[in-house]
Amino acid sequence: MRERSLKVFFLVSGLISIPAMVAVWRMDRLALHMAVNRVHAPFMDECFPFVTELANGWVPAVLALLLLWKSWRSFLMMGLSTGLSAIAVQSLKHLVFSDVERPSMFLDRMAGLHLVAGVEMHHYFSFPSGHSTAAFSMCAALAVIGGKPVPAALLAVLAAVLAFSRVYLSQHFTEDVLAGALLGTVVATGVYMLLYRTAWGSRPALDRAPFRNPFN
């Protein structure tokens, strides 16, 4: 069931990503950003600054700690997926793509761009999107831990919404979030293979909880 849930996560994520990938392939980066930016509304301006915070590093860290009451395996699935993907994305940002600028550096070429009031704009280290990487690694890990296809599909939608929030807030371009989504999913898949498909991961000790669940 866990493998099936991960496949459902792949499928839904892929279907959502296809239009964005086609748009990136066919459109100029700034033109695409302006096209996406036209989709805005007051309630989205209110919600997305808070929604995007769900992909901040403290959220998966708290989830990982809570999963210690479930099992070492669940804790490691979340902790390694989000931790390793964070290391990977920050390494790429600062060591490989350090010269890639964010949308705020192109405001003079995007007249009329809608910006959300109160959002602090960042300027550099745009590619890949760290929040999108965190969102997809976190949600993919939860899909594996839950082991049920329907929640896995909903988690894929949630990850996509979190990634979209980065473009909506003009913190990233579309290709940034697509790369982050791919990176987060790949890392989480690698951790799944380690914990569920190898001899090391088959050890019964990983299914024990280090803390007693007070609700049992």
N, C-alpha and C. Protein backbone atom coordinates (compact mmCIF):
# COMPACT_ATOMS: atom_id res chain seq x y z
N MET A 1 0.82 -1.21 0.00
CA MET A 1 0.00 0.00 0.00
C MET A 1 0.86 1.27 0.00
N ARG A 2 2.01 1.20 0.67
CA ARG A 2 2.85 2.39 0.70
C ARG A 2 3.40 2.71 -0.69
N GLU A 3 3.80 1.67 -1.41
CA GLU A 3 4.30 1.89 -2.76
C GLU A 3 3.20 2.43 -3.66
N ARG A 4 2.00 1.90 -3.49
CA ARG A 4 0.87 2.37 -4.28
C ARG A 4 0.56 3.84 -3.96
N SER A 5 0.63 4.19 -2.69
CA SER A 5 0.38 5.57 -2.29
C SER A 5 1.41 6.51 -2.90
N LEU A 6 2.66 6.08 -2.93
CA LEU A 6 3.71 6.90 -3.52
C LEU A 6 3.47 7.05 -5.02
N LYS A 7 3.02 5.98 -5.67
CA LYS A 7 2.72 6.06 -7.11
C LYS A 7 1.57 7.02 -7.38
N VAL A 8 0.57 7.00 -6.50
CA VAL A 8 -0.55 7.95 -6.64
C VAL A 8 -0.04 9.38 -6.48
N PHE A 9 0.85 9.58 -5.52
CA PHE A 9 1.45 10.90 -5.32
C PHE A 9 2.18 11.33 -6.59
N PHE A 10 2.96 10.41 -7.18
CA PHE A 10 3.67 10.70 -8.44
C PHE A 10 2.68 11.10 -9.54
N LEU A 11 1.62 10.30 -9.67
CA LEU A 11 0.66 10.50 -10.75
C LEU A 11 -0.03 11.86 -10.65
N VAL A 12 -0.55 12.15 -9.47
CA VAL A 12 -1.27 13.42 -9.30
C VAL A 12 -0.32 14.60 -9.44
N SER A 13 0.85 14.49 -8.85
CA SER A 13 1.85 15.57 -8.98
C SER A 13 2.23 15.79 -10.44
N GLY A 14 2.42 14.68 -11.16
CA GLY A 14 2.78 14.78 -12.57
C GLY A 14 1.70 15.43 -13.41
N LEU A 15 0.45 15.03 -13.16
CA LEU A 15 -0.66 15.61 -13.93
C LEU A 15 -0.79 17.11 -13.67
N ILE A 16 -0.58 17.51 -12.42
CA ILE A 16 -0.64 18.93 -12.09
C ILE A 16 0.52 19.70 -12.73
N SER A 17 1.67 19.04 -12.81
CA SER A 17 2.88 19.72 -13.30
C SER A 17 2.93 19.86 -14.81
N ILE A 18 2.23 19.00 -15.54
CA ILE A 18 2.33 19.00 -17.00
C ILE A 18 2.02 20.36 -17.62
N PRO A 19 0.90 21.02 -17.27
CA PRO A 19 0.64 22.34 -17.87
C PRO A 19 1.75 23.35 -17.57
N ALA A 20 2.28 23.30 -16.35
CA ALA A 20 3.36 24.23 -15.98
C ALA A 20 4.62 23.94 -16.79
N MET A 21 4.93 22.67 -16.98
CA MET A 21 6.12 22.31 -17.76
C MET A 21 5.98 22.74 -19.21
N VAL A 22 4.79 22.56 -19.78
CA VAL A 22 4.55 22.99 -21.16
C VAL A 22 4.69 24.51 -21.27
N ALA A 23 4.15 25.22 -20.27
CA ALA A 23 4.24 26.68 -20.28
C ALA A 23 5.68 27.16 -20.19
N VAL A 24 6.47 26.51 -19.34
CA VAL A 24 7.88 26.87 -19.21
C VAL A 24 8.62 26.64 -20.52
N TRP A 25 8.27 25.56 -21.20
CA TRP A 25 8.93 25.21 -22.46
C TRP A 25 8.57 26.19 -23.58
N ARG A 26 7.32 26.67 -23.58
CA ARG A 26 6.84 27.45 -24.72
C ARG A 26 6.87 28.96 -24.50
N MET A 27 6.95 29.41 -23.25
CA MET A 27 6.82 30.84 -22.98
C MET A 27 8.11 31.43 -22.41
N ASP A 28 8.29 32.71 -22.64
CA ASP A 28 9.36 33.46 -22.00
C ASP A 28 9.12 33.48 -20.49
N ARG A 29 10.19 33.44 -19.73
CA ARG A 29 10.08 33.35 -18.27
C ARG A 29 9.27 34.50 -17.67
N LEU A 30 9.57 35.72 -18.09
CA LEU A 30 8.87 36.88 -17.54
C LEU A 30 7.43 36.94 -18.01
N ALA A 31 7.19 36.57 -19.27
CA ALA A 31 5.82 36.56 -19.79
C ALA A 31 4.97 35.54 -19.04
N LEU A 32 5.55 34.39 -18.76
CA LEU A 32 4.82 33.36 -18.00
C LEU A 32 4.52 33.85 -16.60
N HIS A 33 5.49 34.51 -15.98
CA HIS A 33 5.25 35.00 -14.62
C HIS A 33 4.13 36.04 -14.61
N MET A 34 4.12 36.90 -15.59
CA MET A 34 3.05 37.90 -15.67
C MET A 34 1.69 37.23 -15.91
N ALA A 35 1.68 36.18 -16.72
CA ALA A 35 0.42 35.47 -16.99
C ALA A 35 -0.12 34.83 -15.72
N VAL A 36 0.75 34.20 -14.95
CA VAL A 36 0.34 33.59 -13.69
C VAL A 36 -0.09 34.67 -12.71
N ASN A 37 0.61 35.79 -12.72
CA ASN A 37 0.34 36.88 -11.78
C ASN A 37 -1.03 37.50 -11.99
N ARG A 38 -1.59 37.35 -13.18
CA ARG A 38 -2.92 37.91 -13.43
C ARG A 38 -4.00 37.17 -12.64
N VAL A 39 -3.68 35.96 -12.18
CA VAL A 39 -4.63 35.19 -11.37
C VAL A 39 -4.44 35.59 -9.91
N HIS A 40 -5.17 36.61 -9.50
CA HIS A 40 -5.06 37.04 -8.11
C HIS A 40 -6.41 37.54 -7.61
N ALA A 41 -6.58 37.48 -6.31
CA ALA A 41 -7.83 37.89 -5.67
C ALA A 41 -7.52 38.29 -4.24
N PRO A 42 -8.35 39.14 -3.64
CA PRO A 42 -8.09 39.57 -2.26
C PRO A 42 -7.94 38.43 -1.26
N PHE A 43 -8.80 37.39 -1.38
CA PHE A 43 -8.70 36.30 -0.41
C PHE A 43 -7.40 35.51 -0.60
N MET A 44 -6.90 35.44 -1.82
CA MET A 44 -5.62 34.78 -2.06
C MET A 44 -4.47 35.61 -1.50
N ASP A 45 -4.60 36.93 -1.62
CA ASP A 45 -3.59 37.81 -1.03
C ASP A 45 -3.52 37.63 0.48
N GLU A 46 -4.67 37.37 1.09
CA GLU A 46 -4.72 37.18 2.54
C GLU A 46 -4.20 35.80 2.95
N CYS A 47 -4.53 34.79 2.16
CA CYS A 47 -4.24 33.41 2.56
C CYS A 47 -2.81 32.96 2.24
N PHE A 48 -2.32 33.29 1.06
CA PHE A 48 -1.06 32.70 0.62
C PHE A 48 0.16 33.07 1.46
N PRO A 49 0.24 34.27 2.05
CA PRO A 49 1.39 34.51 2.93
C PRO A 49 1.45 33.56 4.12
N PHE A 50 0.29 33.07 4.55
CA PHE A 50 0.25 32.10 5.65
C PHE A 50 0.41 30.67 5.13
N VAL A 51 -0.23 30.39 3.99
CA VAL A 51 -0.13 29.06 3.39
C VAL A 51 1.32 28.71 3.08
N THR A 52 2.05 29.67 2.53
CA THR A 52 3.44 29.40 2.13
C THR A 52 4.32 29.03 3.31
N GLU A 53 3.94 29.47 4.53
CA GLU A 53 4.73 29.17 5.72
C GLU A 53 4.67 27.69 6.09
N LEU A 54 3.69 26.96 5.57
CA LEU A 54 3.60 25.52 5.85
C LEU A 54 4.78 24.77 5.26
N ALA A 55 5.47 25.38 4.31
CA ALA A 55 6.64 24.74 3.71
C ALA A 55 7.94 25.26 4.31
N ASN A 56 7.84 26.00 5.40
CA ASN A 56 9.04 26.44 6.11
C ASN A 56 9.66 25.28 6.86
N GLY A 57 10.94 25.37 7.14
CA GLY A 57 11.67 24.25 7.73
C GLY A 57 11.15 23.77 9.06
N TRP A 58 10.54 24.66 9.86
CA TRP A 58 10.10 24.24 11.19
C TRP A 58 8.92 23.28 11.13
N VAL A 59 8.10 23.35 10.07
CA VAL A 59 6.92 22.48 9.99
C VAL A 59 7.31 21.00 9.85
N PRO A 60 8.15 20.62 8.86
CA PRO A 60 8.57 19.21 8.80
C PRO A 60 9.37 18.79 10.02
N ALA A 61 10.10 19.72 10.65
CA ALA A 61 10.85 19.37 11.86
C ALA A 61 9.90 18.98 12.98
N VAL A 62 8.82 19.75 13.15
CA VAL A 62 7.82 19.43 14.18
C VAL A 62 7.12 18.12 13.85
N LEU A 63 6.77 17.93 12.57
CA LEU A 63 6.13 16.67 12.16
C LEU A 63 7.02 15.47 12.46
N ALA A 64 8.30 15.60 12.14
CA ALA A 64 9.25 14.50 12.40
C ALA A 64 9.29 14.17 13.88
N LEU A 65 9.34 15.17 14.73
CA LEU A 65 9.38 14.93 16.18
C LEU A 65 8.10 14.27 16.66
N LEU A 66 6.96 14.69 16.14
CA LEU A 66 5.69 14.07 16.52
C LEU A 66 5.63 12.61 16.08
N LEU A 67 6.26 12.31 14.96
CA LEU A 67 6.25 10.94 14.44
C LEU A 67 7.10 9.99 15.27
N LEU A 68 7.89 10.53 16.19
CA LEU A 68 8.63 9.66 17.11
C LEU A 68 7.67 8.84 17.97
N TRP A 69 6.45 9.33 18.15
CA TRP A 69 5.46 8.57 18.92
C TRP A 69 4.83 7.46 18.07
N LYS A 70 5.10 7.47 16.76
CA LYS A 70 4.60 6.40 15.89
C LYS A 70 5.64 5.31 15.71
N SER A 71 6.80 5.68 15.19
CA SER A 71 7.89 4.70 15.02
C SER A 71 9.15 5.42 14.56
N TRP A 72 10.28 4.74 14.77
CA TRP A 72 11.54 5.26 14.25
C TRP A 72 11.47 5.38 12.73
N ARG A 73 10.82 4.42 12.08
CA ARG A 73 10.75 4.43 10.61
C ARG A 73 10.02 5.69 10.10
N SER A 74 8.91 6.01 10.74
CA SER A 74 8.15 7.20 10.33
C SER A 74 8.95 8.47 10.58
N PHE A 75 9.62 8.52 11.74
CA PHE A 75 10.47 9.66 12.06
C PHE A 75 11.56 9.83 11.02
N LEU A 76 12.22 8.73 10.66
CA LEU A 76 13.31 8.80 9.69
C LEU A 76 12.79 9.13 8.29
N MET A 77 11.61 8.62 7.96
CA MET A 77 11.03 8.91 6.65
C MET A 77 10.83 10.42 6.49
N MET A 78 10.27 11.04 7.49
CA MET A 78 10.05 12.48 7.43
C MET A 78 11.36 13.26 7.60
N GLY A 79 12.14 12.89 8.62
CA GLY A 79 13.36 13.63 8.93
C GLY A 79 14.40 13.57 7.83
N LEU A 80 14.63 12.37 7.29
CA LEU A 80 15.62 12.24 6.22
C LEU A 80 15.14 12.86 4.91
N SER A 81 13.87 12.68 4.60
CA SER A 81 13.33 13.24 3.35
C SER A 81 13.48 14.75 3.32
N THR A 82 13.02 15.39 4.38
CA THR A 82 13.07 16.86 4.40
C THR A 82 14.47 17.39 4.70
N GLY A 83 15.20 16.69 5.56
CA GLY A 83 16.55 17.14 5.90
C GLY A 83 17.51 17.03 4.73
N LEU A 84 17.52 15.88 4.06
CA LEU A 84 18.42 15.70 2.92
C LEU A 84 18.03 16.59 1.75
N SER A 85 16.73 16.76 1.54
CA SER A 85 16.30 17.63 0.44
C SER A 85 16.67 19.09 0.73
N ALA A 86 16.63 19.48 2.01
CA ALA A 86 17.04 20.84 2.38
C ALA A 86 18.53 21.05 2.10
N ILE A 87 19.34 20.07 2.44
CA ILE A 87 20.78 20.16 2.17
C ILE A 87 21.02 20.24 0.66
N ALA A 88 20.29 19.40 -0.08
CA ALA A 88 20.47 19.37 -1.54
C ALA A 88 20.08 20.70 -2.18
N VAL A 89 18.92 21.23 -1.79
CA VAL A 89 18.46 22.45 -2.45
C VAL A 89 19.32 23.66 -2.08
N GLN A 90 19.75 23.73 -0.82
CA GLN A 90 20.60 24.85 -0.44
C GLN A 90 21.98 24.76 -1.10
N SER A 91 22.47 23.55 -1.28
CA SER A 91 23.74 23.37 -1.99
C SER A 91 23.62 23.83 -3.44
N LEU A 92 22.52 23.46 -4.08
CA LEU A 92 22.31 23.88 -5.46
C LEU A 92 22.16 25.39 -5.56
N LYS A 93 21.39 25.96 -4.64
CA LYS A 93 21.17 27.41 -4.64
C LYS A 93 22.47 28.20 -4.52
N HIS A 94 23.31 27.79 -3.57
CA HIS A 94 24.47 28.59 -3.21
C HIS A 94 25.76 28.20 -3.93
N LEU A 95 25.82 26.97 -4.43
CA LEU A 95 27.06 26.51 -5.05
C LEU A 95 26.97 26.38 -6.57
N VAL A 96 25.79 26.12 -7.08
CA VAL A 96 25.64 25.87 -8.52
C VAL A 96 24.88 26.99 -9.22
N PHE A 97 23.77 27.42 -8.62
CA PHE A 97 22.91 28.42 -9.28
C PHE A 97 22.84 29.72 -8.47
N SER A 98 23.95 30.12 -7.91
CA SER A 98 23.97 31.29 -7.03
C SER A 98 23.68 32.60 -7.75
N ASP A 99 23.81 32.61 -9.07
CA ASP A 99 23.60 33.85 -9.82
C ASP A 99 22.18 33.99 -10.35
N VAL A 100 21.30 33.05 -10.05
CA VAL A 100 19.92 33.11 -10.55
C VAL A 100 19.10 34.04 -9.66
N GLU A 101 18.53 35.07 -10.28
CA GLU A 101 17.80 36.09 -9.53
C GLU A 101 16.30 35.81 -9.48
N ARG A 102 15.68 36.36 -8.46
CA ARG A 102 14.24 36.17 -8.25
C ARG A 102 13.44 37.23 -9.02
N PRO A 103 12.11 37.04 -9.09
CA PRO A 103 11.28 37.99 -9.85
C PRO A 103 11.42 39.45 -9.43
N SER A 104 11.71 39.70 -8.15
CA SER A 104 11.81 41.08 -7.68
C SER A 104 12.92 41.86 -8.38
N MET A 105 13.88 41.16 -8.97
CA MET A 105 14.97 41.83 -9.67
C MET A 105 14.59 42.23 -11.10
N PHE A 106 13.37 41.87 -11.52
CA PHE A 106 12.94 42.16 -12.89
C PHE A 106 11.69 43.04 -12.92
N LEU A 107 11.43 43.75 -11.83
CA LEU A 107 10.21 44.56 -11.76
C LEU A 107 10.16 45.62 -12.85
N ASP A 108 11.31 46.11 -13.27
CA ASP A 108 11.34 47.13 -14.32
C ASP A 108 10.91 46.58 -15.68
N ARG A 109 10.92 45.25 -15.81
CA ARG A 109 10.53 44.61 -17.06
C ARG A 109 9.17 43.92 -16.96
N MET A 110 8.52 44.06 -15.80
CA MET A 110 7.20 43.46 -15.60
C MET A 110 6.26 44.53 -15.04
N ALA A 111 5.96 45.52 -15.86
CA ALA A 111 5.10 46.63 -15.43
C ALA A 111 3.72 46.11 -15.06
N GLY A 112 3.21 46.60 -13.94
CA GLY A 112 1.87 46.20 -13.50
C GLY A 112 1.84 44.91 -12.72
N LEU A 113 2.99 44.37 -12.34
CA LEU A 113 3.03 43.13 -11.57
C LEU A 113 2.32 43.33 -10.24
N HIS A 114 1.41 42.43 -9.92
CA HIS A 114 0.68 42.51 -8.66
C HIS A 114 1.53 41.92 -7.54
N LEU A 115 1.82 42.73 -6.54
CA LEU A 115 2.58 42.28 -5.38
C LEU A 115 1.68 42.31 -4.15
N VAL A 116 1.85 41.33 -3.28
CA VAL A 116 1.03 41.24 -2.07
C VAL A 116 1.64 42.11 -0.98
N ALA A 117 0.84 43.01 -0.45
CA ALA A 117 1.31 43.95 0.57
C ALA A 117 1.80 43.20 1.81
N GLY A 118 2.92 43.67 2.35
CA GLY A 118 3.44 43.11 3.59
C GLY A 118 4.38 41.94 3.43
N VAL A 119 4.54 41.46 2.20
CA VAL A 119 5.42 40.31 1.95
C VAL A 119 6.83 40.83 1.66
N GLU A 120 7.79 40.38 2.43
CA GLU A 120 9.19 40.77 2.21
C GLU A 120 9.73 40.07 0.97
N MET A 121 10.18 40.83 0.02
CA MET A 121 10.66 40.26 -1.23
C MET A 121 12.14 39.88 -1.12
N HIS A 122 12.45 38.68 -1.60
CA HIS A 122 13.83 38.23 -1.67
C HIS A 122 14.34 38.45 -3.10
N HIS A 123 15.64 38.49 -3.25
CA HIS A 123 16.20 38.91 -4.53
C HIS A 123 17.08 37.87 -5.23
N TYR A 124 17.75 37.02 -4.46
CA TYR A 124 18.72 36.10 -5.06
C TYR A 124 18.43 34.65 -4.66
N PHE A 125 19.25 33.74 -5.20
CA PHE A 125 19.15 32.30 -4.89
C PHE A 125 17.75 31.78 -5.21
N SER A 126 17.33 32.00 -6.43
CA SER A 126 15.96 31.66 -6.83
C SER A 126 15.78 30.19 -7.20
N PHE A 127 16.82 29.58 -7.74
CA PHE A 127 16.68 28.23 -8.33
C PHE A 127 17.53 27.20 -7.58
N PRO A 128 16.91 26.08 -7.18
CA PRO A 128 15.48 25.74 -7.17
C PRO A 128 14.77 26.39 -5.97
N SER A 129 13.47 26.28 -5.93
CA SER A 129 12.70 26.83 -4.82
C SER A 129 12.83 25.94 -3.58
N GLY A 130 13.33 26.51 -2.49
CA GLY A 130 13.49 25.75 -1.26
C GLY A 130 12.16 25.35 -0.65
N HIS A 131 11.18 26.28 -0.68
CA HIS A 131 9.86 25.97 -0.13
C HIS A 131 9.19 24.84 -0.91
N SER A 132 9.32 24.87 -2.23
CA SER A 132 8.71 23.81 -3.05
C SER A 132 9.38 22.47 -2.80
N THR A 133 10.69 22.49 -2.64
CA THR A 133 11.42 21.26 -2.31
C THR A 133 10.92 20.71 -0.99
N ALA A 134 10.79 21.57 0.01
CA ALA A 134 10.30 21.14 1.32
C ALA A 134 8.88 20.63 1.25
N ALA A 135 8.02 21.32 0.49
CA ALA A 135 6.62 20.93 0.38
C ALA A 135 6.48 19.53 -0.21
N PHE A 136 7.21 19.26 -1.28
CA PHE A 136 7.07 17.96 -1.94
C PHE A 136 7.76 16.85 -1.18
N SER A 137 8.89 17.12 -0.56
CA SER A 137 9.52 16.07 0.24
C SER A 137 8.67 15.74 1.46
N MET A 138 8.11 16.76 2.11
CA MET A 138 7.26 16.56 3.28
C MET A 138 5.98 15.81 2.92
N CYS A 139 5.31 16.24 1.87
CA CYS A 139 4.04 15.61 1.50
C CYS A 139 4.25 14.20 0.94
N ALA A 140 5.33 13.99 0.21
CA ALA A 140 5.63 12.63 -0.27
C ALA A 140 5.92 11.71 0.90
N ALA A 141 6.64 12.21 1.90
CA ALA A 141 6.93 11.41 3.09
C ALA A 141 5.64 11.06 3.82
N LEU A 142 4.74 12.03 3.95
CA LEU A 142 3.45 11.77 4.61
C LEU A 142 2.62 10.76 3.82
N ALA A 143 2.71 10.82 2.49
CA ALA A 143 1.99 9.86 1.66
C ALA A 143 2.48 8.44 1.92
N VAL A 144 3.78 8.29 2.05
CA VAL A 144 4.36 6.97 2.35
C VAL A 144 3.95 6.52 3.75
N ILE A 145 4.07 7.40 4.72
CA ILE A 145 3.76 7.05 6.11
C ILE A 145 2.29 6.67 6.26
N GLY A 146 1.41 7.45 5.61
CA GLY A 146 -0.02 7.16 5.69
C GLY A 146 -0.39 5.88 4.97
N GLY A 147 0.22 5.65 3.82
CA GLY A 147 0.01 4.40 3.10
C GLY A 147 -1.36 4.22 2.49
N LYS A 148 -2.07 5.33 2.22
CA LYS A 148 -3.40 5.23 1.63
C LYS A 148 -3.47 6.15 0.41
N PRO A 149 -4.00 5.63 -0.71
CA PRO A 149 -3.97 6.37 -1.97
C PRO A 149 -4.72 7.70 -1.97
N VAL A 150 -5.91 7.75 -1.39
CA VAL A 150 -6.69 8.99 -1.43
C VAL A 150 -6.00 10.13 -0.68
N PRO A 151 -5.55 9.91 0.57
CA PRO A 151 -4.77 10.97 1.22
C PRO A 151 -3.50 11.33 0.45
N ALA A 152 -2.90 10.35 -0.21
CA ALA A 152 -1.69 10.62 -1.00
C ALA A 152 -2.00 11.59 -2.14
N ALA A 153 -3.15 11.41 -2.78
CA ALA A 153 -3.56 12.32 -3.85
C ALA A 153 -3.80 13.73 -3.30
N LEU A 154 -4.44 13.81 -2.14
CA LEU A 154 -4.70 15.11 -1.53
C LEU A 154 -3.40 15.79 -1.10
N LEU A 155 -2.45 15.00 -0.65
CA LEU A 155 -1.15 15.55 -0.27
C LEU A 155 -0.40 16.10 -1.49
N ALA A 156 -0.57 15.45 -2.63
CA ALA A 156 0.05 15.96 -3.86
C ALA A 156 -0.55 17.31 -4.23
N VAL A 157 -1.87 17.43 -4.07
CA VAL A 157 -2.53 18.71 -4.34
C VAL A 157 -2.04 19.78 -3.37
N LEU A 158 -1.92 19.42 -2.09
CA LEU A 158 -1.42 20.36 -1.09
C LEU A 158 -0.01 20.83 -1.44
N ALA A 159 0.85 19.90 -1.82
CA ALA A 159 2.22 20.27 -2.20
C ALA A 159 2.22 21.23 -3.38
N ALA A 160 1.34 20.98 -4.34
CA ALA A 160 1.25 21.85 -5.51
C ALA A 160 0.77 23.25 -5.13
N VAL A 161 -0.18 23.32 -4.21
CA VAL A 161 -0.68 24.63 -3.75
C VAL A 161 0.43 25.40 -3.04
N LEU A 162 1.18 24.69 -2.20
CA LEU A 162 2.30 25.33 -1.51
C LEU A 162 3.33 25.85 -2.51
N ALA A 163 3.61 25.07 -3.53
CA ALA A 163 4.56 25.50 -4.55
C ALA A 163 4.01 26.69 -5.34
N PHE A 164 2.73 26.63 -5.68
CA PHE A 164 2.12 27.74 -6.42
C PHE A 164 2.17 29.04 -5.62
N SER A 165 2.07 28.93 -4.30
CA SER A 165 2.11 30.14 -3.46
C SER A 165 3.41 30.91 -3.65
N ARG A 166 4.49 30.21 -3.96
CA ARG A 166 5.78 30.89 -4.16
C ARG A 166 5.77 31.74 -5.43
N VAL A 167 5.09 31.25 -6.45
CA VAL A 167 4.96 32.03 -7.68
C VAL A 167 3.95 33.16 -7.48
N TYR A 168 2.86 32.84 -6.80
CA TYR A 168 1.83 33.85 -6.55
C TYR A 168 2.40 35.05 -5.80
N LEU A 169 3.27 34.79 -4.84
CA LEU A 169 3.88 35.85 -4.04
C LEU A 169 5.09 36.48 -4.73
N SER A 170 5.37 36.04 -5.96
CA SER A 170 6.51 36.53 -6.75
C SER A 170 7.85 36.34 -6.04
N GLN A 171 7.95 35.24 -5.31
CA GLN A 171 9.22 34.88 -4.70
C GLN A 171 10.03 33.96 -5.62
N HIS A 172 9.34 33.35 -6.59
CA HIS A 172 10.01 32.42 -7.51
C HIS A 172 9.34 32.45 -8.87
N PHE A 173 10.09 32.01 -9.87
CA PHE A 173 9.53 31.75 -11.19
C PHE A 173 9.01 30.32 -11.23
N THR A 174 8.22 30.03 -12.26
CA THR A 174 7.60 28.71 -12.36
C THR A 174 8.63 27.59 -12.44
N GLU A 175 9.71 27.80 -13.21
CA GLU A 175 10.72 26.74 -13.31
C GLU A 175 11.41 26.46 -11.98
N ASP A 176 11.47 27.46 -11.11
CA ASP A 176 12.08 27.27 -9.79
C ASP A 176 11.28 26.26 -8.97
N VAL A 177 9.95 26.43 -9.00
CA VAL A 177 9.12 25.55 -8.18
C VAL A 177 9.02 24.15 -8.79
N LEU A 178 9.05 24.07 -10.12
CA LEU A 178 9.05 22.75 -10.75
C LEU A 178 10.31 21.97 -10.39
N ALA A 179 11.45 22.65 -10.41
CA ALA A 179 12.70 21.99 -10.04
C ALA A 179 12.68 21.58 -8.58
N GLY A 180 12.15 22.44 -7.72
CA GLY A 180 12.05 22.10 -6.30
C GLY A 180 11.13 20.92 -6.07
N ALA A 181 10.01 20.89 -6.79
CA ALA A 181 9.07 19.77 -6.66
C ALA A 181 9.73 18.46 -7.05
N LEU A 182 10.46 18.48 -8.16
CA LEU A 182 11.15 17.27 -8.61
C LEU A 182 12.21 16.83 -7.60
N LEU A 183 12.99 17.78 -7.12
CA LEU A 183 14.06 17.46 -6.17
C LEU A 183 13.49 16.87 -4.88
N GLY A 184 12.47 17.50 -4.33
CA GLY A 184 11.88 17.00 -3.09
C GLY A 184 11.29 15.62 -3.25
N THR A 185 10.64 15.37 -4.38
CA THR A 185 10.03 14.06 -4.62
C THR A 185 11.10 12.99 -4.81
N VAL A 186 12.15 13.31 -5.54
CA VAL A 186 13.23 12.34 -5.78
C VAL A 186 13.91 11.96 -4.47
N VAL A 187 14.20 12.95 -3.63
CA VAL A 187 14.86 12.65 -2.35
C VAL A 187 13.96 11.79 -1.48
N ALA A 188 12.68 12.14 -1.38
CA ALA A 188 11.75 11.35 -0.57
C ALA A 188 11.63 9.93 -1.10
N THR A 189 11.66 9.77 -2.41
CA THR A 189 11.60 8.43 -3.00
C THR A 189 12.84 7.62 -2.64
N GLY A 190 14.00 8.27 -2.67
CA GLY A 190 15.23 7.59 -2.27
C GLY A 190 15.19 7.13 -0.82
N VAL A 191 14.64 7.98 0.05
CA VAL A 191 14.52 7.61 1.47
C VAL A 191 13.54 6.46 1.63
N TYR A 192 12.44 6.50 0.87
CA TYR A 192 11.49 5.38 0.89
C TYR A 192 12.18 4.07 0.51
N MET A 193 12.97 4.11 -0.55
CA MET A 193 13.68 2.90 -0.98
C MET A 193 14.61 2.39 0.12
N LEU A 194 15.28 3.30 0.80
CA LEU A 194 16.19 2.91 1.88
C LEU A 194 15.44 2.27 3.04
N LEU A 195 14.33 2.87 3.44
CA LEU A 195 13.64 2.43 4.65
C LEU A 195 12.68 1.27 4.44
N TYR A 196 12.21 1.09 3.20
CA TYR A 196 11.19 0.07 2.96
C TYR A 196 11.60 -1.00 1.95
N ARG A 197 12.73 -0.81 1.25
CA ARG A 197 13.07 -1.76 0.20
C ARG A 197 14.49 -2.32 0.31
N THR A 198 15.15 -2.11 1.43
CA THR A 198 16.51 -2.63 1.61
C THR A 198 16.57 -3.52 2.84
N ALA A 199 17.65 -4.28 2.94
CA ALA A 199 17.84 -5.15 4.10
C ALA A 199 17.95 -4.33 5.38
N TRP A 200 18.65 -3.19 5.30
CA TRP A 200 18.78 -2.34 6.49
C TRP A 200 17.41 -1.84 6.94
N GLY A 201 16.57 -1.48 5.99
CA GLY A 201 15.26 -0.95 6.33
C GLY A 201 14.28 -1.99 6.82
N SER A 202 14.59 -3.26 6.65
CA SER A 202 13.66 -4.32 7.08
C SER A 202 13.81 -4.69 8.55
N ARG A 203 14.69 -4.04 9.26
CA ARG A 203 14.91 -4.37 10.66
C ARG A 203 13.69 -4.02 11.51
N PRO A 204 13.21 -4.95 12.33
CA PRO A 204 12.02 -4.72 13.16
C PRO A 204 12.17 -3.54 14.11
N ALA A 205 13.39 -3.25 14.53
CA ALA A 205 13.60 -2.16 15.48
C ALA A 205 13.09 -0.82 14.95
N LEU A 206 13.07 -0.66 13.63
CA LEU A 206 12.62 0.60 13.04
C LEU A 206 11.13 0.82 13.23
N ASP A 207 10.39 -0.25 13.50
CA ASP A 207 8.95 -0.13 13.67
C ASP A 207 8.55 0.11 15.12
N ARG A 208 9.53 0.22 15.99
CA ARG A 208 9.24 0.53 17.39
C ARG A 208 9.20 2.04 17.59
N ALA A 209 8.40 2.46 18.54
CA ALA A 209 8.31 3.88 18.89
C ALA A 209 9.20 4.16 20.09
N PRO A 210 10.08 5.16 20.00
CA PRO A 210 10.95 5.47 21.14
C PRO A 210 10.18 6.02 22.33
N PHE A 211 8.98 6.58 22.07
CA PHE A 211 8.15 7.11 23.14
C PHE A 211 6.80 6.41 23.13
N ARG A 212 6.25 6.23 24.29
CA ARG A 212 4.94 5.60 24.40
C ARG A 212 3.85 6.58 24.01
N ASN A 213 2.92 6.13 23.17
CA ASN A 213 1.81 6.97 22.74
C ASN A 213 0.81 7.11 23.88
N PRO A 214 0.60 8.32 24.41
CA PRO A 214 -0.31 8.48 25.55
C PRO A 214 -1.77 8.25 25.21
N PHE A 215 -2.10 8.19 23.89
CA PHE A 215 -3.48 8.01 23.48
C PHE A 215 -3.84 6.55 23.25
N ASN A 216 -2.86 5.66 23.37
CA ASN A 216 -3.13 4.22 23.21
C ASN A 216 -3.54 3.61 24.54
